[in-house]
Each structure stands twice: as C-alpha cells, then as structure tokens.
Amino acid sequence: MICSFNPRILFGCFFWMVLASGLRILGDNLLSRDVYSPRITSPARGTVWMVGYNATITWDTSNPPQHITNAIGEIVLGHLNENDSNEHLDLGHPLAEGFDLRSGTVTVKVPEVKPGENYFVVLFGDSGNTSPPFSIEKLEDDYGTIGLNALQLPSRVIRRFSGL
C-alpha cells in the first residue's frame, strides 16, 4: 500500500504543535510574574500639602518581586467626603504617570483643589495602594495668592495671573 501525505493535514499538525508550544512559553512567562504592592510612606497622616507647591510622594521599594507584572506607575489624588464612601479619585488628571515603580519616589505639583483634611494618593501599577489621609491647604492673603503678591508685581499682572 502506498502512503500519501495530505499537505493540509501536515500543515494542520504543524500549526497546532507550534501554537501549543507558544502557549506553553507564554504561560510560563505569565505565571512567573508577581504582583508588586509597595506601601506608600509619604504623604503620611498629618502631612500638609500646599496648593501650587511641589510635594514628594515616596513608597517602600525594599522588597520588590523578581518579575513585576506592571512596573509603570501612575499616581492620582482622591478625597473622602463624610457623606459617602466614594474615593472621588481624579483619574482624568493624574499627579504623575509613566514612572518606574522601582524608583520609590516622584515629585508632583499640588493641584488647585478645595482645602481639606481627607485627601489621599493612590499609587497604581501592579495594584492600587492608598496613602493615609493628609491635608491640602492654600496660602492666601486679602489680595489673592501670597506667592504672586510676594513678588511685588504690579496689581494688573497679579490680576492677570490669578484670574481676578
């Protein structure tokens, strides 16, 4: 009896062998990755940020896993209200993004927000880690923002910058 090989069957067998070996490699790679959930060390409870000034956010990098699932970080500001349990995360305006989670620090400019005591930051990457609550305050005097008036600029320039 003469054996003949059907090219479609041969190609089909080859295709499934390649697919199976590729999934095995991909599966091993994904299984070897770990979730990295570093603890935020600053801001801490009692910290006060000032609107318009720089603030440094830090987190513990002492024990990262060997294979981090997502090492690209993003930090957003949130706040709590007494009336609900919503975290009110400002996802549309990250304080920082695109940094390496293994760096352990990032400096941000404190956004123009309503002064309050129930603010927190969330560090996203592999997971979301929330800081303890802290305060944000705004420096103002009778004429507007102290920073602009301290420059001794003419009032028309101050009005232009502060929107008065």
N, C-alpha and C. Protein backbone atom coordinates (compact mmCIF):
# COMPACT_ATOMS: atom_id res chain seq x y z
N MET A 1 0.84 -1.17 0.00
CA MET A 1 0.00 0.00 0.00
C MET A 1 0.89 1.24 0.00
N ILE A 2 0.56 2.17 -0.79
CA ILE A 2 1.33 3.40 -0.92
C ILE A 2 0.72 4.45 0.02
N CYS A 3 1.58 5.04 0.82
CA CYS A 3 1.15 6.09 1.74
C CYS A 3 1.29 7.44 1.05
N SER A 4 0.27 8.24 1.12
CA SER A 4 0.36 9.59 0.58
C SER A 4 0.06 10.58 1.70
N PHE A 5 0.76 11.69 1.68
CA PHE A 5 0.58 12.70 2.71
C PHE A 5 -0.27 13.83 2.16
N ASN A 6 -1.27 14.17 2.90
CA ASN A 6 -2.11 15.30 2.54
C ASN A 6 -1.46 16.56 3.11
N PRO A 7 -1.12 17.55 2.27
CA PRO A 7 -0.45 18.76 2.75
C PRO A 7 -1.27 19.51 3.80
N ARG A 8 -2.58 19.48 3.68
CA ARG A 8 -3.43 20.18 4.65
C ARG A 8 -3.31 19.54 6.03
N ILE A 9 -3.29 18.23 6.09
CA ILE A 9 -3.17 17.55 7.36
C ILE A 9 -1.80 17.81 7.96
N LEU A 10 -0.77 17.74 7.14
CA LEU A 10 0.58 18.01 7.61
C LEU A 10 0.70 19.45 8.15
N PHE A 11 0.15 20.42 7.41
CA PHE A 11 0.18 21.82 7.85
C PHE A 11 -0.62 21.98 9.14
N GLY A 12 -1.78 21.35 9.22
CA GLY A 12 -2.61 21.43 10.42
C GLY A 12 -1.89 20.92 11.65
N CYS A 13 -1.22 19.77 11.52
CA CYS A 13 -0.46 19.21 12.65
C CYS A 13 0.67 20.16 13.05
N PHE A 14 1.38 20.69 12.07
CA PHE A 14 2.47 21.61 12.34
C PHE A 14 1.96 22.87 13.05
N PHE A 15 0.84 23.43 12.57
CA PHE A 15 0.23 24.63 13.16
C PHE A 15 -0.11 24.40 14.63
N TRP A 16 -0.76 23.28 14.94
CA TRP A 16 -1.16 23.01 16.31
C TRP A 16 0.04 22.76 17.22
N MET A 17 1.09 22.17 16.71
CA MET A 17 2.30 21.96 17.51
C MET A 17 2.95 23.29 17.86
N VAL A 18 3.04 24.17 16.87
CA VAL A 18 3.64 25.49 17.11
C VAL A 18 2.79 26.28 18.09
N LEU A 19 1.47 26.28 17.90
CA LEU A 19 0.57 27.01 18.79
C LEU A 19 0.68 26.49 20.21
N ALA A 20 0.69 25.19 20.39
CA ALA A 20 0.78 24.60 21.73
C ALA A 20 2.10 24.96 22.41
N SER A 21 3.21 24.92 21.68
CA SER A 21 4.50 25.27 22.30
C SER A 21 4.56 26.76 22.62
N GLY A 22 3.96 27.60 21.79
CA GLY A 22 3.94 29.04 22.05
C GLY A 22 3.11 29.36 23.28
N LEU A 23 1.98 28.70 23.44
CA LEU A 23 1.17 28.93 24.63
C LEU A 23 1.87 28.47 25.90
N ARG A 24 2.63 27.41 25.79
CA ARG A 24 3.37 26.90 26.94
C ARG A 24 4.42 27.93 27.39
N ILE A 25 5.15 28.50 26.44
CA ILE A 25 6.16 29.50 26.75
C ILE A 25 5.50 30.75 27.33
N LEU A 26 4.42 31.19 26.69
CA LEU A 26 3.71 32.37 27.16
C LEU A 26 3.15 32.13 28.55
N GLY A 27 2.57 30.97 28.77
CA GLY A 27 2.02 30.64 30.08
C GLY A 27 3.07 30.62 31.16
N ASP A 28 4.23 30.06 30.90
CA ASP A 28 5.31 30.05 31.88
C ASP A 28 5.75 31.46 32.22
N ASN A 29 5.83 32.33 31.21
CA ASN A 29 6.25 33.70 31.43
C ASN A 29 5.24 34.45 32.29
N LEU A 30 3.95 34.27 32.01
CA LEU A 30 2.93 34.97 32.80
C LEU A 30 2.84 34.43 34.21
N LEU A 31 3.01 33.14 34.38
CA LEU A 31 2.92 32.56 35.71
C LEU A 31 4.08 32.98 36.60
N SER A 32 5.22 33.33 36.01
CA SER A 32 6.38 33.69 36.80
C SER A 32 6.37 35.15 37.25
N ARG A 33 5.36 35.90 36.85
CA ARG A 33 5.29 37.30 37.24
C ARG A 33 4.56 37.44 38.57
N ASP A 34 4.93 38.48 39.35
CA ASP A 34 4.35 38.70 40.66
C ASP A 34 3.72 40.08 40.73
N VAL A 35 2.73 40.20 41.58
CA VAL A 35 2.10 41.50 41.81
C VAL A 35 2.95 42.26 42.82
N TYR A 36 3.24 43.51 42.50
CA TYR A 36 4.07 44.36 43.35
C TYR A 36 3.16 45.40 43.99
N SER A 37 3.11 45.41 45.30
CA SER A 37 2.21 46.29 46.02
C SER A 37 2.98 47.06 47.10
N PRO A 38 3.81 48.05 46.69
CA PRO A 38 4.62 48.77 47.68
C PRO A 38 3.78 49.69 48.56
N ARG A 39 4.14 49.78 49.83
CA ARG A 39 3.45 50.62 50.80
C ARG A 39 3.89 52.08 50.62
N ILE A 40 2.93 52.99 50.55
CA ILE A 40 3.22 54.42 50.45
C ILE A 40 3.73 54.90 51.81
N THR A 41 4.90 55.55 51.82
CA THR A 41 5.48 56.05 53.07
C THR A 41 5.28 57.56 53.25
N SER A 42 5.03 58.26 52.15
CA SER A 42 4.77 59.70 52.22
C SER A 42 3.91 60.10 51.03
N PRO A 43 2.85 60.81 51.22
CA PRO A 43 2.45 61.52 52.43
C PRO A 43 1.95 60.56 53.51
N ALA A 44 2.17 60.97 54.75
CA ALA A 44 1.72 60.21 55.91
C ALA A 44 0.60 60.99 56.60
N ARG A 45 -0.05 60.34 57.53
CA ARG A 45 -1.09 61.01 58.32
C ARG A 45 -0.46 62.25 58.97
N GLY A 46 -1.13 63.38 58.88
CA GLY A 46 -0.61 64.62 59.45
C GLY A 46 0.16 65.48 58.46
N THR A 47 0.49 64.95 57.28
CA THR A 47 1.18 65.73 56.26
C THR A 47 0.26 66.83 55.74
N VAL A 48 0.86 68.00 55.45
CA VAL A 48 0.10 69.11 54.86
C VAL A 48 0.78 69.50 53.56
N TRP A 49 0.03 69.45 52.47
CA TRP A 49 0.49 69.93 51.17
C TRP A 49 -0.09 71.32 50.95
N MET A 50 0.64 72.15 50.19
CA MET A 50 0.17 73.49 49.86
C MET A 50 -0.10 73.56 48.35
N VAL A 51 -1.28 74.06 47.99
CA VAL A 51 -1.67 74.19 46.59
C VAL A 51 -0.60 74.98 45.83
N GLY A 52 -0.21 74.46 44.67
CA GLY A 52 0.75 75.14 43.81
C GLY A 52 2.21 74.83 44.10
N TYR A 53 2.49 74.18 45.21
CA TYR A 53 3.86 73.85 45.58
C TYR A 53 4.17 72.41 45.18
N ASN A 54 5.45 72.06 45.16
CA ASN A 54 5.84 70.68 44.88
C ASN A 54 5.72 69.84 46.15
N ALA A 55 5.34 68.59 45.95
CA ALA A 55 5.26 67.63 47.05
C ALA A 55 5.90 66.33 46.57
N THR A 56 6.54 65.63 47.49
CA THR A 56 7.18 64.37 47.14
C THR A 56 6.38 63.20 47.69
N ILE A 57 6.14 62.23 46.83
CA ILE A 57 5.44 61.00 47.21
C ILE A 57 6.50 59.90 47.21
N THR A 58 6.55 59.12 48.28
CA THR A 58 7.52 58.03 48.37
C THR A 58 6.81 56.74 48.74
N TRP A 59 7.45 55.62 48.37
CA TRP A 59 6.92 54.31 48.72
C TRP A 59 8.08 53.36 48.95
N ASP A 60 7.80 52.29 49.69
CA ASP A 60 8.81 51.32 50.09
C ASP A 60 9.17 50.41 48.92
N THR A 61 10.44 50.42 48.53
CA THR A 61 10.91 49.57 47.42
C THR A 61 11.88 48.50 47.92
N SER A 62 11.86 48.22 49.21
CA SER A 62 12.86 47.32 49.79
C SER A 62 12.69 45.86 49.40
N ASN A 63 11.50 45.44 48.96
CA ASN A 63 11.31 44.03 48.69
C ASN A 63 10.49 43.79 47.42
N PRO A 64 10.96 44.26 46.25
CA PRO A 64 10.18 44.02 45.03
C PRO A 64 10.32 42.58 44.57
N PRO A 65 9.29 42.03 43.93
CA PRO A 65 9.42 40.68 43.37
C PRO A 65 10.37 40.69 42.18
N GLN A 66 10.79 39.52 41.77
CA GLN A 66 11.73 39.42 40.65
C GLN A 66 11.09 39.85 39.34
N HIS A 67 9.84 39.46 39.12
CA HIS A 67 9.13 39.77 37.87
C HIS A 67 7.88 40.56 38.20
N ILE A 68 7.92 41.87 37.96
CA ILE A 68 6.76 42.73 38.24
C ILE A 68 5.84 42.72 37.03
N THR A 69 4.55 42.51 37.28
CA THR A 69 3.58 42.45 36.19
C THR A 69 3.51 43.77 35.43
N ASN A 70 3.42 44.89 36.15
CA ASN A 70 3.34 46.21 35.51
C ASN A 70 4.20 47.18 36.32
N ALA A 71 5.38 47.51 35.82
CA ALA A 71 6.32 48.37 36.56
C ALA A 71 6.15 49.85 36.23
N ILE A 72 5.18 50.19 35.38
CA ILE A 72 4.94 51.59 35.02
C ILE A 72 3.87 52.16 35.96
N GLY A 73 4.23 53.22 36.69
CA GLY A 73 3.35 53.75 37.72
C GLY A 73 2.54 54.96 37.30
N GLU A 74 1.48 55.17 38.07
CA GLU A 74 0.62 56.35 37.93
C GLU A 74 0.12 56.69 39.33
N ILE A 75 0.05 57.98 39.63
CA ILE A 75 -0.45 58.43 40.93
C ILE A 75 -1.59 59.40 40.70
N VAL A 76 -2.70 59.15 41.41
CA VAL A 76 -3.85 60.05 41.33
C VAL A 76 -4.22 60.52 42.73
N LEU A 77 -4.88 61.67 42.77
CA LEU A 77 -5.34 62.25 44.02
C LEU A 77 -6.80 61.86 44.23
N GLY A 78 -7.14 61.59 45.46
CA GLY A 78 -8.52 61.30 45.82
C GLY A 78 -8.87 62.00 47.11
N HIS A 79 -10.16 62.04 47.41
CA HIS A 79 -10.59 62.60 48.70
C HIS A 79 -11.86 61.91 49.16
N LEU A 80 -12.05 61.91 50.46
CA LEU A 80 -13.23 61.31 51.06
C LEU A 80 -14.17 62.40 51.56
N ASN A 81 -15.45 62.14 51.42
CA ASN A 81 -16.48 63.01 52.00
C ASN A 81 -17.09 62.29 53.19
N GLU A 82 -17.57 63.05 54.14
CA GLU A 82 -18.24 62.44 55.30
C GLU A 82 -19.55 61.78 54.90
N ASN A 83 -20.15 62.20 53.79
CA ASN A 83 -21.49 61.74 53.41
C ASN A 83 -21.51 60.44 52.63
N ASP A 84 -20.38 59.99 52.08
CA ASP A 84 -20.38 58.76 51.28
C ASP A 84 -19.04 58.05 51.39
N SER A 85 -18.99 56.85 50.83
CA SER A 85 -17.75 56.06 50.89
C SER A 85 -16.97 56.11 49.58
N ASN A 86 -17.41 56.93 48.62
CA ASN A 86 -16.72 57.07 47.33
C ASN A 86 -15.35 57.70 47.57
N GLU A 87 -14.35 57.19 46.84
CA GLU A 87 -12.99 57.71 46.99
C GLU A 87 -12.75 58.97 46.17
N HIS A 88 -13.64 59.34 45.30
CA HIS A 88 -13.52 60.55 44.48
C HIS A 88 -12.12 60.68 43.87
N LEU A 89 -11.69 59.66 43.14
CA LEU A 89 -10.38 59.66 42.50
C LEU A 89 -10.41 60.54 41.26
N ASP A 90 -9.43 61.41 41.11
CA ASP A 90 -9.32 62.27 39.93
C ASP A 90 -8.51 61.54 38.86
N LEU A 91 -9.14 60.52 38.26
CA LEU A 91 -8.46 59.68 37.27
C LEU A 91 -8.13 60.44 35.99
N GLY A 92 -8.87 61.50 35.70
CA GLY A 92 -8.63 62.27 34.49
C GLY A 92 -7.43 63.20 34.56
N HIS A 93 -6.90 63.41 35.76
CA HIS A 93 -5.77 64.32 35.95
C HIS A 93 -4.74 63.69 36.89
N PRO A 94 -4.00 62.69 36.42
CA PRO A 94 -3.00 62.06 37.29
C PRO A 94 -1.97 63.08 37.78
N LEU A 95 -1.53 62.92 39.01
CA LEU A 95 -0.46 63.77 39.53
C LEU A 95 0.86 63.43 38.87
N ALA A 96 1.05 62.14 38.56
CA ALA A 96 2.27 61.66 37.89
C ALA A 96 1.93 60.38 37.15
N GLU A 97 2.63 60.13 36.04
CA GLU A 97 2.42 58.90 35.30
C GLU A 97 3.65 58.56 34.48
N GLY A 98 3.78 57.28 34.13
CA GLY A 98 4.87 56.84 33.28
C GLY A 98 6.20 56.65 33.98
N PHE A 99 6.22 56.61 35.30
CA PHE A 99 7.48 56.43 36.04
C PHE A 99 7.65 54.96 36.43
N ASP A 100 8.87 54.59 36.77
CA ASP A 100 9.19 53.22 37.17
C ASP A 100 8.82 53.03 38.65
N LEU A 101 7.98 52.04 38.94
CA LEU A 101 7.59 51.76 40.33
C LEU A 101 8.78 51.47 41.23
N ARG A 102 9.86 50.98 40.66
CA ARG A 102 11.04 50.64 41.46
C ARG A 102 11.82 51.87 41.91
N SER A 103 11.46 53.06 41.40
CA SER A 103 12.19 54.29 41.78
C SER A 103 11.91 54.69 43.23
N GLY A 104 10.71 54.45 43.72
CA GLY A 104 10.39 54.74 45.11
C GLY A 104 10.03 56.17 45.42
N THR A 105 10.09 57.06 44.43
CA THR A 105 9.79 58.46 44.70
C THR A 105 9.38 59.18 43.42
N VAL A 106 8.51 60.16 43.59
CA VAL A 106 8.15 61.04 42.49
C VAL A 106 7.72 62.38 43.10
N THR A 107 8.08 63.46 42.43
CA THR A 107 7.70 64.80 42.88
C THR A 107 6.59 65.31 41.98
N VAL A 108 5.55 65.88 42.60
CA VAL A 108 4.39 66.36 41.86
C VAL A 108 4.08 67.79 42.27
N LYS A 109 3.35 68.49 41.42
CA LYS A 109 2.85 69.82 41.78
C LYS A 109 1.46 69.64 42.36
N VAL A 110 1.23 70.20 43.53
CA VAL A 110 -0.06 70.07 44.20
C VAL A 110 -1.09 70.86 43.40
N PRO A 111 -2.15 70.20 42.95
CA PRO A 111 -3.14 70.87 42.10
C PRO A 111 -4.03 71.85 42.86
N GLU A 112 -4.70 72.67 42.12
CA GLU A 112 -5.65 73.64 42.67
C GLU A 112 -6.91 72.88 43.08
N VAL A 113 -7.03 72.61 44.36
CA VAL A 113 -8.18 71.90 44.90
C VAL A 113 -8.71 72.65 46.12
N LYS A 114 -9.91 72.31 46.53
CA LYS A 114 -10.50 72.91 47.72
C LYS A 114 -9.72 72.44 48.95
N PRO A 115 -9.31 73.35 49.82
CA PRO A 115 -8.59 72.93 51.03
C PRO A 115 -9.40 71.91 51.84
N GLY A 116 -8.71 70.94 52.40
CA GLY A 116 -9.40 69.93 53.18
C GLY A 116 -8.44 68.97 53.85
N GLU A 117 -9.01 68.09 54.69
CA GLU A 117 -8.20 67.18 55.50
C GLU A 117 -8.31 65.72 55.08
N ASN A 118 -9.15 65.39 54.14
CA ASN A 118 -9.38 64.00 53.79
C ASN A 118 -8.86 63.63 52.40
N TYR A 119 -7.68 64.13 52.06
CA TYR A 119 -7.07 63.79 50.78
C TYR A 119 -6.17 62.57 50.95
N PHE A 120 -5.93 61.86 49.86
CA PHE A 120 -5.02 60.73 49.83
C PHE A 120 -4.54 60.55 48.40
N VAL A 121 -3.44 59.83 48.21
CA VAL A 121 -2.97 59.50 46.87
C VAL A 121 -3.06 57.98 46.70
N VAL A 122 -3.27 57.58 45.45
CA VAL A 122 -3.29 56.15 45.11
C VAL A 122 -2.18 55.91 44.10
N LEU A 123 -1.34 54.93 44.40
CA LEU A 123 -0.24 54.52 43.54
C LEU A 123 -0.69 53.32 42.73
N PHE A 124 -0.83 53.52 41.41
CA PHE A 124 -1.22 52.44 40.52
C PHE A 124 0.00 51.91 39.78
N GLY A 125 -0.05 50.69 39.44
CA GLY A 125 0.97 49.97 38.67
C GLY A 125 0.46 48.56 38.60
N ASP A 126 1.05 47.72 39.42
CA ASP A 126 0.55 46.35 39.57
C ASP A 126 -0.78 46.34 40.31
N SER A 127 -0.90 47.18 41.30
CA SER A 127 -2.11 47.24 42.11
C SER A 127 -2.29 48.68 42.57
N GLY A 128 -3.33 48.95 43.28
CA GLY A 128 -3.56 50.30 43.79
C GLY A 128 -3.31 50.36 45.28
N ASN A 129 -2.39 51.20 45.69
CA ASN A 129 -2.06 51.37 47.11
C ASN A 129 -2.45 52.77 47.52
N THR A 130 -3.11 52.90 48.64
CA THR A 130 -3.63 54.18 49.09
C THR A 130 -2.82 54.69 50.28
N SER A 131 -2.50 55.98 50.24
CA SER A 131 -1.79 56.60 51.36
C SER A 131 -2.78 56.85 52.50
N PRO A 132 -2.25 57.11 53.69
CA PRO A 132 -3.11 57.58 54.77
C PRO A 132 -3.66 58.96 54.40
N PRO A 133 -4.74 59.39 55.03
CA PRO A 133 -5.27 60.72 54.73
C PRO A 133 -4.31 61.83 55.15
N PHE A 134 -4.32 62.91 54.37
CA PHE A 134 -3.50 64.09 54.68
C PHE A 134 -4.27 65.33 54.27
N SER A 135 -3.71 66.49 54.55
CA SER A 135 -4.40 67.76 54.29
C SER A 135 -3.78 68.49 53.11
N ILE A 136 -4.62 69.26 52.44
CA ILE A 136 -4.15 70.21 51.43
C ILE A 136 -4.70 71.57 51.83
N GLU A 137 -3.80 72.56 51.88
CA GLU A 137 -4.18 73.92 52.24
C GLU A 137 -3.75 74.87 51.13
N LYS A 138 -4.30 76.06 51.19
CA LYS A 138 -3.99 77.08 50.19
C LYS A 138 -3.54 78.34 50.91
N LEU A 139 -2.38 78.89 50.51
CA LEU A 139 -1.88 80.13 51.09
C LEU A 139 -2.54 81.30 50.39
N GLU A 140 -3.25 82.10 51.15
CA GLU A 140 -3.87 83.30 50.57
C GLU A 140 -3.80 84.45 51.56
N ASP A 141 -3.84 85.65 51.02
CA ASP A 141 -3.95 86.82 51.86
C ASP A 141 -5.18 87.60 51.40
N ASP A 142 -5.33 88.82 51.83
CA ASP A 142 -6.51 89.61 51.47
C ASP A 142 -6.58 89.96 49.99
N TYR A 143 -5.48 89.81 49.27
CA TYR A 143 -5.42 90.24 47.88
C TYR A 143 -5.32 89.08 46.90
N GLY A 144 -5.30 87.86 47.39
CA GLY A 144 -5.15 86.72 46.50
C GLY A 144 -4.03 85.82 46.97
N THR A 145 -3.47 85.10 46.07
CA THR A 145 -2.43 84.14 46.44
C THR A 145 -1.18 84.85 46.90
N ILE A 146 -0.66 84.48 48.06
CA ILE A 146 0.53 85.10 48.64
C ILE A 146 1.72 85.02 47.69
N GLY A 147 1.89 83.89 47.02
CA GLY A 147 3.04 83.72 46.14
C GLY A 147 3.14 84.81 45.09
N LEU A 148 2.02 85.21 44.50
CA LEU A 148 2.03 86.27 43.48
C LEU A 148 2.28 87.63 44.10
N ASN A 149 1.64 87.91 45.23
CA ASN A 149 1.82 89.21 45.87
C ASN A 149 3.23 89.37 46.43
N ALA A 150 3.85 88.29 46.86
CA ALA A 150 5.19 88.37 47.43
C ALA A 150 6.22 88.78 46.39
N LEU A 151 5.88 88.63 45.11
CA LEU A 151 6.80 89.01 44.05
C LEU A 151 6.84 90.52 43.83
N GLN A 152 5.96 91.27 44.49
CA GLN A 152 5.88 92.72 44.34
C GLN A 152 5.60 93.11 42.89
N LEU A 153 4.70 92.37 42.25
CA LEU A 153 4.33 92.67 40.87
C LEU A 153 3.22 93.72 40.86
N PRO A 154 3.12 94.49 39.78
CA PRO A 154 2.00 95.44 39.68
C PRO A 154 0.68 94.70 39.75
N SER A 155 -0.36 95.35 40.30
CA SER A 155 -1.65 94.69 40.52
C SER A 155 -2.25 94.15 39.22
N ARG A 156 -2.03 94.82 38.06
CA ARG A 156 -2.60 94.33 36.80
C ARG A 156 -1.99 92.98 36.42
N VAL A 157 -0.70 92.76 36.76
CA VAL A 157 -0.04 91.48 36.47
C VAL A 157 -0.58 90.40 37.40
N ILE A 158 -0.76 90.75 38.68
CA ILE A 158 -1.30 89.79 39.65
C ILE A 158 -2.71 89.37 39.22
N ARG A 159 -3.55 90.35 38.82
CA ARG A 159 -4.91 90.02 38.38
C ARG A 159 -4.89 89.11 37.18
N ARG A 160 -3.95 89.34 36.27
CA ARG A 160 -3.87 88.51 35.07
C ARG A 160 -3.52 87.06 35.41
N PHE A 161 -2.56 86.86 36.32
CA PHE A 161 -2.14 85.51 36.69
C PHE A 161 -3.15 84.82 37.58
N SER A 162 -3.82 85.56 38.47
CA SER A 162 -4.72 84.90 39.41
C SER A 162 -6.15 84.88 38.93
N GLY A 163 -6.44 85.48 37.80
CA GLY A 163 -7.80 85.48 37.26
C GLY A 163 -8.73 86.44 37.96
N LEU A 164 -8.20 87.41 38.71
CA LEU A 164 -9.05 88.37 39.43
C LEU A 164 -9.55 89.46 38.52
